[in-house]
C-alpha atoms as a PDB file:
ATOM      1  CA  UNK A   1       9.984 162.014 -90.574  1.00  0.00           C
ATOM      2  CA  UNK A   2       7.155 162.407 -88.055  1.00  0.00           C
ATOM      3  CA  UNK A   3       4.557 162.184 -90.826  1.00  0.00           C
ATOM      4  CA  UNK A   4       5.958 158.883 -92.100  1.00  0.00           C
ATOM      5  CA  UNK A   5       6.038 157.484 -88.549  1.00  0.00           C
ATOM      6  CA  UNK A   6       2.407 158.483 -87.953  1.00  0.00           C
ATOM      7  CA  UNK A   7       1.325 156.872 -91.226  1.00  0.00           C
ATOM      8  CA  UNK A   8       3.237 153.703 -90.357  1.00  0.00           C
ATOM      9  CA  UNK A   9       1.605 153.543 -86.934  1.00  0.00           C
ATOM     10  CA  UNK A  10      -1.856 154.097 -88.420  1.00  0.00           C
ATOM     11  CA  UNK A  11      -1.286 151.290 -90.930  1.00  0.00           C
ATOM     12  CA  UNK A  12      -0.059 149.018 -88.137  1.00  0.00           C
ATOM     13  CA  UNK A  13      -3.134 149.614 -85.992  1.00  0.00           C
ATOM     14  CA  UNK A  14      -5.442 149.285 -89.022  1.00  0.00           C
ATOM     15  CA  UNK A  15      -3.923 145.929 -89.966  1.00  0.00           C
ATOM     16  CA  UNK A  16      -4.125 144.753 -86.346  1.00  0.00           C
ATOM     17  CA  UNK A  17      -7.808 145.685 -86.229  1.00  0.00           C
ATOM     18  CA  UNK A  18      -8.490 143.874 -89.511  1.00  0.00           C
ATOM     19  CA  UNK A  19      -6.736 140.710 -88.328  1.00  0.00           C
ATOM     20  CA  UNK A  20      -8.732 140.706 -85.076  1.00  0.00           C
ATOM     21  CA  UNK A  21     -12.058 141.253 -86.833  1.00  0.00           C
ATOM     22  CA  UNK A  22     -11.461 138.807 -89.707  1.00  0.00           C
ATOM     23  CA  UNK A  23     -13.355 135.519 -89.380  1.00  0.00           C
ATOM     24  CA  UNK A  24     -11.225 132.470 -88.774  1.00  0.00           C
ATOM     25  CA  UNK A  25     -12.941 130.676 -91.628  1.00  0.00           C
ATOM     26  CA  UNK A  26     -15.785 131.410 -93.993  1.00  0.00           C
ATOM     27  CA  UNK A  27     -17.038 129.937 -97.279  1.00  0.00           C
ATOM     28  CA  UNK A  28     -15.015 132.584 -99.166  1.00  0.00           C
ATOM     29  CA  UNK A  29     -11.907 131.960 -97.058  1.00  0.00           C
ATOM     30  CA  UNK A  30     -11.995 128.356 -95.879  1.00  0.00           C
ATOM     31  CA  UNK A  31      -9.120 127.159 -93.748  1.00  0.00           C
ATOM     32  CA  UNK A  32      -6.911 124.304 -94.899  1.00  0.00           C
ATOM     33  CA  UNK A  33      -8.354 122.072 -92.166  1.00  0.00           C
ATOM     34  CA  UNK A  34     -11.896 122.898 -93.289  1.00  0.00           C
ATOM     35  CA  UNK A  35     -11.115 122.118 -96.943  1.00  0.00           C
ATOM     36  CA  UNK A  36      -9.407 118.849 -96.043  1.00  0.00           C
ATOM     37  CA  UNK A  37     -12.308 117.715 -93.844  1.00  0.00           C
ATOM     38  CA  UNK A  38     -14.832 118.667 -96.554  1.00  0.00           C
ATOM     39  CA  UNK A  39     -12.796 116.754 -99.150  1.00  0.00           C
ATOM     40  CA  UNK A  40     -12.669 113.628 -96.997  1.00  0.00           C
ATOM     41  CA  UNK A  41     -16.392 113.914 -96.292  1.00  0.00           C
ATOM     42  CA  UNK A  42     -17.155 114.163-100.017  1.00  0.00           C
ATOM     43  CA  UNK A  43     -14.995 111.108-100.789  1.00  0.00           C
ATOM     44  CA  UNK A  44     -16.806 109.103 -98.113  1.00  0.00           C
ATOM     45  CA  UNK A  45     -20.255 110.190 -99.328  1.00  0.00           C
ATOM     46  CA  UNK A  46     -19.290 109.067-102.851  1.00  0.00           C
ATOM     47  CA  UNK A  47     -18.245 105.678-101.435  1.00  0.00           C
ATOM     48  CA  UNK A  48     -21.547 105.324 -99.547  1.00  0.00           C
ATOM     49  CA  UNK A  49     -23.501 106.173-102.710  1.00  0.00           C
ATOM     50  CA  UNK A  50     -21.519 103.585-104.664  1.00  0.00           C
ATOM     51  CA  UNK A  51     -22.104 100.898-102.004  1.00  0.00           C
ATOM     52  CA  UNK A  52     -25.856 101.412-101.435  1.00  0.00           C
ATOM     53  CA  UNK A  53     -27.098  99.458-104.515  1.00  0.00           C
ATOM     54  CA  UNK A  54     -25.026  96.375-103.619  1.00  0.00           C
ATOM     55  CA  UNK A  55     -26.080  96.554 -99.963  1.00  0.00           C
ATOM     56  CA  UNK A  56     -29.727  96.897-101.020  1.00  0.00           C
ATOM     57  CA  UNK A  57     -29.453  93.851-103.295  1.00  0.00           C
ATOM     58  CA  UNK A  58     -27.912  91.786-100.485  1.00  0.00           C
ATOM     59  CA  UNK A  59     -30.192  92.877 -97.658  1.00  0.00           C
ATOM     60  CA  UNK A  60     -33.599  93.385 -99.294  1.00  0.00           C
ATOM     61  CA  UNK A  61     -35.162  90.076-100.300  1.00  0.00           C
ATOM     62  CA  UNK A  62     -38.852  91.078-100.385  1.00  0.00           C
ATOM     63  CA  UNK A  63     -40.153  91.216-103.953  1.00  0.00           C
ATOM     64  CA  UNK A  64     -41.122  94.659-105.244  1.00  0.00           C
ATOM     65  CA  UNK A  65     -38.776  96.648-102.996  1.00  0.00           C
ATOM     66  CA  UNK A  66     -36.271  98.136-105.444  1.00  0.00           C
ATOM     67  CA  UNK A  67     -34.273 101.351-105.703  1.00  0.00           C
ATOM     68  CA  UNK A  68     -36.261 102.305-108.809  1.00  0.00           C
ATOM     69  CA  UNK A  69     -38.137 105.550-107.918  1.00  0.00           C
ATOM     70  CA  UNK A  70     -41.242 104.282-109.755  1.00  0.00           C
ATOM     71  CA  UNK A  71     -41.530 101.485-107.184  1.00  0.00           C
ATOM     72  CA  UNK A  72     -42.230 103.965-104.371  1.00  0.00           C
ATOM     73  CA  UNK A  73     -45.941 103.327-103.941  1.00  0.00           C
ATOM     74  CA  UNK A  74     -48.511 105.072-101.754  1.00  0.00           C
ATOM     75  CA  UNK A  75     -48.376 102.030 -99.482  1.00  0.00           C
ATOM     76  CA  UNK A  76     -44.652 102.594 -98.901  1.00  0.00           C
ATOM     77  CA  UNK A  77     -45.266 106.267 -98.158  1.00  0.00           C
ATOM     78  CA  UNK A  78     -47.799 105.205 -95.538  1.00  0.00           C
ATOM     79  CA  UNK A  79     -45.254 102.771 -94.077  1.00  0.00           C
ATOM     80  CA  UNK A  80     -42.843 105.674 -93.522  1.00  0.00           C
ATOM     81  CA  UNK A  81     -45.419 107.192 -91.174  1.00  0.00           C
ATOM     82  CA  UNK A  82     -46.325 103.881 -89.529  1.00  0.00           C
ATOM     83  CA  UNK A  83     -42.690 103.022 -88.844  1.00  0.00           C
ATOM     84  CA  UNK A  84     -41.961 106.543 -87.594  1.00  0.00           C
ATOM     85  CA  UNK A  85     -38.969 107.106 -89.887  1.00  0.00           C
ATOM     86  CA  UNK A  86     -38.286 110.861 -89.730  1.00  0.00           C
ATOM     87  CA  UNK A  87     -37.132 112.848 -92.739  1.00  0.00           C
ATOM     88  CA  UNK A  88     -33.617 114.257 -92.770  1.00  0.00           C
ATOM     89  CA  UNK A  89     -33.257 118.058 -92.613  1.00  0.00           C
ATOM     90  CA  UNK A  90     -33.367 119.709 -96.034  1.00  0.00           C
ATOM     91  CA  UNK A  91     -30.035 120.852 -97.475  1.00  0.00           C
ATOM     92  CA  UNK A  92     -30.589 124.036 -99.487  1.00  0.00           C
ATOM     93  CA  UNK A  93     -28.201 126.192-101.549  1.00  0.00           C
ATOM     94  CA  UNK A  94     -26.056 128.473 -99.418  1.00  0.00           C
ATOM     95  CA  UNK A  95     -27.437 131.980 -99.044  1.00  0.00           C
ATOM     96  CA  UNK A  96     -27.964 134.701 -96.448  1.00  0.00           C
ATOM     97  CA  UNK A  97     -30.990 132.766 -95.191  1.00  0.00           C
ATOM     98  CA  UNK A  98     -29.286 129.343 -95.316  1.00  0.00           C
ATOM     99  CA  UNK A  99     -25.820 129.906 -93.951  1.00  0.00           C
ATOM    100  CA  UNK A 100     -22.774 127.650 -93.813  1.00  0.00           C
ATOM    101  CA  UNK A 101     -23.525 127.182 -90.110  1.00  0.00           C
ATOM    102  CA  UNK A 102     -27.047 125.915 -90.854  1.00  0.00           C
ATOM    103  CA  UNK A 103     -25.862 123.741 -93.744  1.00  0.00           C
ATOM    104  CA  UNK A 104     -23.215 121.900 -91.710  1.00  0.00           C
ATOM    105  CA  UNK A 105     -25.658 121.501 -88.795  1.00  0.00           C
ATOM    106  CA  UNK A 106     -28.230 119.920 -91.119  1.00  0.00           C
ATOM    107  CA  UNK A 107     -25.529 117.600 -92.468  1.00  0.00           C
ATOM    108  CA  UNK A 108     -24.774 116.440 -88.928  1.00  0.00           C
ATOM    109  CA  UNK A 109     -28.421 115.914 -87.968  1.00  0.00           C
ATOM    110  CA  UNK A 110     -29.145 113.975 -91.172  1.00  0.00           C
ATOM    111  CA  UNK A 111     -26.001 111.869 -90.936  1.00  0.00           C
ATOM    112  CA  UNK A 112     -26.712 111.014 -87.314  1.00  0.00           C
ATOM    113  CA  UNK A 113     -30.312 110.090 -88.166  1.00  0.00           C
ATOM    114  CA  UNK A 114     -29.307 107.511 -90.796  1.00  0.00           C
ATOM    115  CA  UNK A 115     -26.450 106.178 -88.708  1.00  0.00           C
ATOM    116  CA  UNK A 116     -28.886 105.525 -85.848  1.00  0.00           C
ATOM    117  CA  UNK A 117     -31.441 103.937 -88.196  1.00  0.00           C
ATOM    118  CA  UNK A 118     -28.779 101.580 -89.550  1.00  0.00           C
ATOM    119  CA  UNK A 119     -27.661 100.665 -86.014  1.00  0.00           C
ATOM    120  CA  UNK A 120     -31.249  99.697 -85.134  1.00  0.00           C
ATOM    121  CA  UNK A 121     -31.676  97.719 -88.366  1.00  0.00           C
ATOM    122  CA  UNK A 122     -28.279  96.014 -87.964  1.00  0.00           C
ATOM    123  CA  UNK A 123     -29.720  94.283 -84.899  1.00  0.00           C
ATOM    124  CA  UNK A 124     -32.304  92.668 -87.195  1.00  0.00           C
ATOM    125  CA  UNK A 125     -30.422  92.273 -90.480  1.00  0.00           C
ATOM    126  CA  UNK A 126     -26.895  91.433 -91.550  1.00  0.00           C
ATOM    127  CA  UNK A 127     -25.057  93.407 -94.215  1.00  0.00           C
ATOM    128  CA  UNK A 128     -25.604  96.940 -92.911  1.00  0.00           C
ATOM    129  CA  UNK A 129     -22.629  97.247 -90.556  1.00  0.00           C
ATOM    130  CA  UNK A 130     -20.165  98.625 -93.128  1.00  0.00           C
ATOM    131  CA  UNK A 131     -22.548 101.399 -94.182  1.00  0.00           C
ATOM    132  CA  UNK A 132     -23.158 102.254 -90.539  1.00  0.00           C
ATOM    133  CA  UNK A 133     -19.395 102.470 -89.930  1.00  0.00           C
ATOM    134  CA  UNK A 134     -18.935 104.696 -93.004  1.00  0.00           C
ATOM    135  CA  UNK A 135     -21.649 107.029 -91.734  1.00  0.00           C
ATOM    136  CA  UNK A 136     -19.955 107.186 -88.344  1.00  0.00           C
ATOM    137  CA  UNK A 137     -16.697 108.187 -90.071  1.00  0.00           C
ATOM    138  CA  UNK A 138     -18.575 110.735 -92.193  1.00  0.00           C
ATOM    139  CA  UNK A 139     -19.961 112.364 -89.050  1.00  0.00           C
ATOM    140  CA  UNK A 140     -16.396 112.651 -87.736  1.00  0.00           C
ATOM    141  CA  UNK A 141     -15.313 114.560 -90.863  1.00  0.00           C
ATOM    142  CA  UNK A 142     -18.372 116.843 -90.798  1.00  0.00           C
ATOM    143  CA  UNK A 143     -17.682 117.584 -87.125  1.00  0.00           C
ATOM    144  CA  UNK A 144     -14.106 118.498 -88.104  1.00  0.00           C
ATOM    145  CA  UNK A 145     -15.532 120.891 -90.706  1.00  0.00           C
ATOM    146  CA  UNK A 146     -17.652 122.482 -87.987  1.00  0.00           C
ATOM    147  CA  UNK A 147     -14.685 122.815 -85.625  1.00  0.00           C
ATOM    148  CA  UNK A 148     -12.336 124.184 -88.315  1.00  0.00           C
ATOM    149  CA  UNK A 149     -14.835 126.870 -89.331  1.00  0.00           C
ATOM    150  CA  UNK A 150     -15.764 127.540 -85.684  1.00  0.00           C
ATOM    151  CA  UNK A 151     -19.450 127.075 -86.444  1.00  0.00           C
ATOM    152  CA  UNK A 152     -21.908 127.169 -83.592  1.00  0.00           C
ATOM    153  CA  UNK A 153     -25.171 125.869 -85.043  1.00  0.00           C
ATOM    154  CA  UNK A 154     -27.229 123.459 -82.999  1.00  0.00           C
ATOM    155  CA  UNK A 155     -26.763 119.967 -84.387  1.00  0.00           C
ATOM    156  CA  UNK A 156     -28.819 118.139 -81.783  1.00  0.00           C
ATOM    157  CA  UNK A 157     -31.309 115.575 -82.983  1.00  0.00           C
ATOM    158  CA  UNK A 158     -34.637 117.077 -83.941  1.00  0.00           C
ATOM    159  CA  UNK A 159     -36.556 113.800 -83.948  1.00  0.00           C
ATOM    160  CA  UNK A 160     -36.828 111.034 -81.404  1.00  0.00           C
ATOM    161  CA  UNK A 161     -36.222 107.656 -82.993  1.00  0.00           C
ATOM    162  CA  UNK A 162     -38.621 104.883 -82.041  1.00  0.00           C
ATOM    163  CA  UNK A 163     -38.084 102.444 -84.902  1.00  0.00           C
ATOM    164  CA  UNK A 164     -37.064  99.368 -82.898  1.00  0.00           C
ATOM    165  CA  UNK A 165     -40.438  99.080 -81.125  1.00  0.00           C
ATOM    166  CA  UNK A 166     -42.286  99.099 -84.473  1.00  0.00           C
ATOM    167  CA  UNK A 167     -40.366  96.301 -86.182  1.00  0.00           C
ATOM    168  CA  UNK A 168     -42.822  93.500 -85.416  1.00  0.00           C
ATOM    169  CA  UNK A 169     -42.008  91.133 -88.270  1.00  0.00           C
ATOM    170  CA  UNK A 170     -39.905  90.401 -91.336  1.00  0.00           C
ATOM    171  CA  UNK A 171     -41.992  92.590 -93.645  1.00  0.00           C
ATOM    172  CA  UNK A 172     -41.658  95.669 -91.415  1.00  0.00           C
ATOM    173  CA  UNK A 173     -37.900  95.087 -91.084  1.00  0.00           C
ATOM    174  CA  UNK A 174     -37.503  94.739 -94.860  1.00  0.00           C
ATOM    175  CA  UNK A 175     -39.560  97.856 -95.584  1.00  0.00           C
ATOM    176  CA  UNK A 176     -37.712  99.866 -92.924  1.00  0.00           C
ATOM    177  CA  UNK A 177     -34.345  98.842 -94.368  1.00  0.00           C
ATOM    178  CA  UNK A 178     -35.507  99.613 -97.917  1.00  0.00           C
ATOM    179  CA  UNK A 179     -36.856 103.041 -96.949  1.00  0.00           C
ATOM    180  CA  UNK A 180     -33.724 103.869 -94.948  1.00  0.00           C
ATOM    181  CA  UNK A 181     -31.415 102.966 -97.856  1.00  0.00           C
ATOM    182  CA  UNK A 182     -33.601 104.832-100.349  1.00  0.00           C
ATOM    183  CA  UNK A 183     -33.722 107.976 -98.224  1.00  0.00           C
ATOM    184  CA  UNK A 184     -30.012 107.708 -97.380  1.00  0.00           C
ATOM    185  CA  UNK A 185     -29.204 107.638-101.095  1.00  0.00           C
ATOM    186  CA  UNK A 186     -31.257 110.792-101.651  1.00  0.00           C
ATOM    187  CA  UNK A 187     -29.622 112.501 -98.662  1.00  0.00           C
ATOM    188  CA  UNK A 188     -26.152 111.581 -99.968  1.00  0.00           C
ATOM    189  CA  UNK A 189     -26.946 113.184-103.347  1.00  0.00           C
ATOM    190  CA  UNK A 190     -27.895 116.349-101.442  1.00  0.00           C
ATOM    191  CA  UNK A 191     -24.694 116.086 -99.394  1.00  0.00           C
ATOM    192  CA  UNK A 192     -22.560 115.897-102.541  1.00  0.00           C
ATOM    193  CA  UNK A 193     -24.249 118.995-103.958  1.00  0.00           C
ATOM    194  CA  UNK A 194     -23.827 120.890-100.688  1.00  0.00           C
ATOM    195  CA  UNK A 195     -20.156 119.934-100.298  1.00  0.00           C
ATOM    196  CA  UNK A 196     -19.467 121.070-103.864  1.00  0.00           C
ATOM    197  CA  UNK A 197     -21.352 124.308-103.241  1.00  0.00           C
ATOM    198  CA  UNK A 198     -19.376 124.969-100.061  1.00  0.00           C
ATOM    199  CA  UNK A 199     -16.125 124.610-102.002  1.00  0.00           C
ATOM    200  CA  UNK A 200     -17.271 127.046-104.710  1.00  0.00           C
ATOM    201  CA  UNK A 201     -19.434 129.458-102.707  1.00  0.00           C
ATOM    202  CA  UNK A 202     -18.533 133.126-102.712  1.00  0.00           C
ATOM    203  CA  UNK A 203     -20.935 135.410-100.797  1.00  0.00           C
ATOM    204  CA  UNK A 204     -22.158 138.491-102.689  1.00  0.00           C
ATOM    205  CA  UNK A 205     -20.423 141.585-101.367  1.00  0.00           C
ATOM    206  CA  UNK A 206     -22.628 144.346 -99.975  1.00  0.00           C
ATOM    207  CA  UNK A 207     -23.559 146.939-102.568  1.00  0.00           C
ATOM    208  CA  UNK A 208     -23.000 144.691-105.594  1.00  0.00           C
ATOM    209  CA  UNK A 209     -26.548 143.402-105.871  1.00  0.00           C
END
């Protein structure tokens, strides 16, 4: 009948409109490529976290520089400023004010920061090349997440890195390596939490709050 044909046409156009307006990927509807890239990123972050203590033991020979949080003295905090080691962007829980776009962008900026720090330090110390390579691979997977979800956040570096010109002697090199590994470990813990949150995140629907 005419009525049935009209209804069918209306449903067709409604479905077409919904398909066109639906996001390609979102935290509540992640694409297969996005999930796979996030899974590989998480596996690599877990490997980096597992490797950091052994790398620290091999590379750091100056007494008193340990991964124990209680060893982080005021003097070391001052050295962070003197050496010009910037802090990685903060990774916060996903929300309307901290979107998936922002989260993945912060992951990229932080990962690139530590990869660059390790490249600089690798010119002064042996034993850091594998971590640097793992971070480079991690950035590849995070970039794949960004591409799969068609995110557009700015992931350009927010800080200029001038570490090489401040490494005047063995002590500065040792402290810089220690601080980089310590901060990288903290950043990786944040990365793990964020990657888990991305997998489980479901945005609150309008009108349900």
